[in-house]
Protein backbone atom coordinates (compact mmCIF):
# COMPACT_ATOMS: atom_id res chain seq x y z
CA UNK A 1 10.93 7.65 12.40
CA UNK A 2 11.50 6.47 15.92
CA UNK A 3 10.35 3.00 17.17
CA UNK A 4 7.44 4.37 18.86
CA UNK A 5 6.11 5.75 15.17
CA UNK A 6 6.89 2.32 13.73
CA UNK A 7 3.55 0.33 13.35
CA UNK A 8 3.11 -3.06 14.50
CA UNK A 9 1.07 -3.63 11.49
CA UNK A 10 2.23 -3.14 7.88
CA UNK A 11 0.04 -4.03 4.49
CA UNK A 12 0.70 -2.85 1.09
CA UNK A 13 -1.09 -4.02 -2.48
CA UNK A 14 1.31 -5.36 -4.81
CA UNK A 15 1.52 -4.75 -8.69
CA UNK A 16 4.01 -7.09 -10.74
CA UNK A 17 3.66 -6.67 -14.36
CA UNK A 18 6.31 -7.68 -17.61
CA UNK A 19 7.92 -5.04 -19.89
CA UNK A 20 7.02 -5.54 -22.93
CA UNK A 21 4.68 -8.56 -21.94
CA UNK A 22 7.26 -11.05 -22.37
CA UNK A 23 10.58 -12.19 -21.06
CA UNK A 24 12.35 -11.64 -17.57
CA UNK A 25 12.02 -7.83 -17.29
CA UNK A 26 9.48 -7.48 -14.63
CA UNK A 27 8.26 -4.32 -12.57
CA UNK A 28 7.24 -4.24 -9.28
CA UNK A 29 5.20 -1.23 -6.88
CA UNK A 30 3.59 -1.40 -4.09
CA UNK A 31 1.24 1.19 -2.43
CA UNK A 32 0.38 1.67 1.18
CA UNK A 33 -3.39 1.79 1.59
CA UNK A 34 -2.74 3.63 4.97
CA UNK A 35 -0.85 6.74 3.02
CA UNK A 36 -1.43 6.18 -0.87
CA UNK A 37 2.39 6.56 -1.10
CA UNK A 38 3.64 4.38 -4.04
CA UNK A 39 6.97 2.76 -4.45
CA UNK A 40 8.31 1.31 -7.88
CA UNK A 41 11.07 -1.29 -7.78
CA UNK A 42 12.91 -2.97 -10.95
CA UNK A 43 13.92 -5.84 -9.02
CA UNK A 44 12.73 -8.40 -6.09
CA UNK A 45 16.08 -7.88 -4.32
CA UNK A 46 15.10 -3.86 -4.13
CA UNK A 47 11.55 -4.94 -3.01
CA UNK A 48 13.07 -7.11 -0.33
CA UNK A 49 15.46 -4.52 0.95
CA UNK A 50 12.86 -1.99 1.07
CA UNK A 51 10.53 -4.63 3.10
CA UNK A 52 13.41 -5.72 5.46
CA UNK A 53 13.97 -1.62 6.41
CA UNK A 54 10.44 -1.23 7.07
CA UNK A 55 10.26 -4.22 9.37
CA UNK A 56 13.73 -3.08 11.03
CA UNK A 57 15.37 -6.31 10.10
CA UNK A 58 18.87 -5.93 9.73
CA UNK A 59 20.43 -7.22 6.27
CA UNK A 60 21.47 -11.02 6.61
CA UNK A 61 18.69 -11.91 9.19
CA UNK A 62 16.21 -14.44 8.31
CA UNK A 63 17.07 -14.79 4.81
CA UNK A 64 16.29 -18.64 5.03
CA UNK A 65 12.69 -18.00 5.46
CA UNK A 66 12.83 -17.52 9.13
């Protein structure tokens, strides 16, 4: 996807749930309301990497909440 095709606005429906209803084993999914595409993640780090790629933020930039 080229820069011209990148939207200036992104939105996702975020879902979080625990595996077996307890412990630290969480799963994450996001769904784009624009395309209906669903992505699944097994960690917050994987979700964060995906979002950074969508926003075209190089890794290492903005990790302090900036």
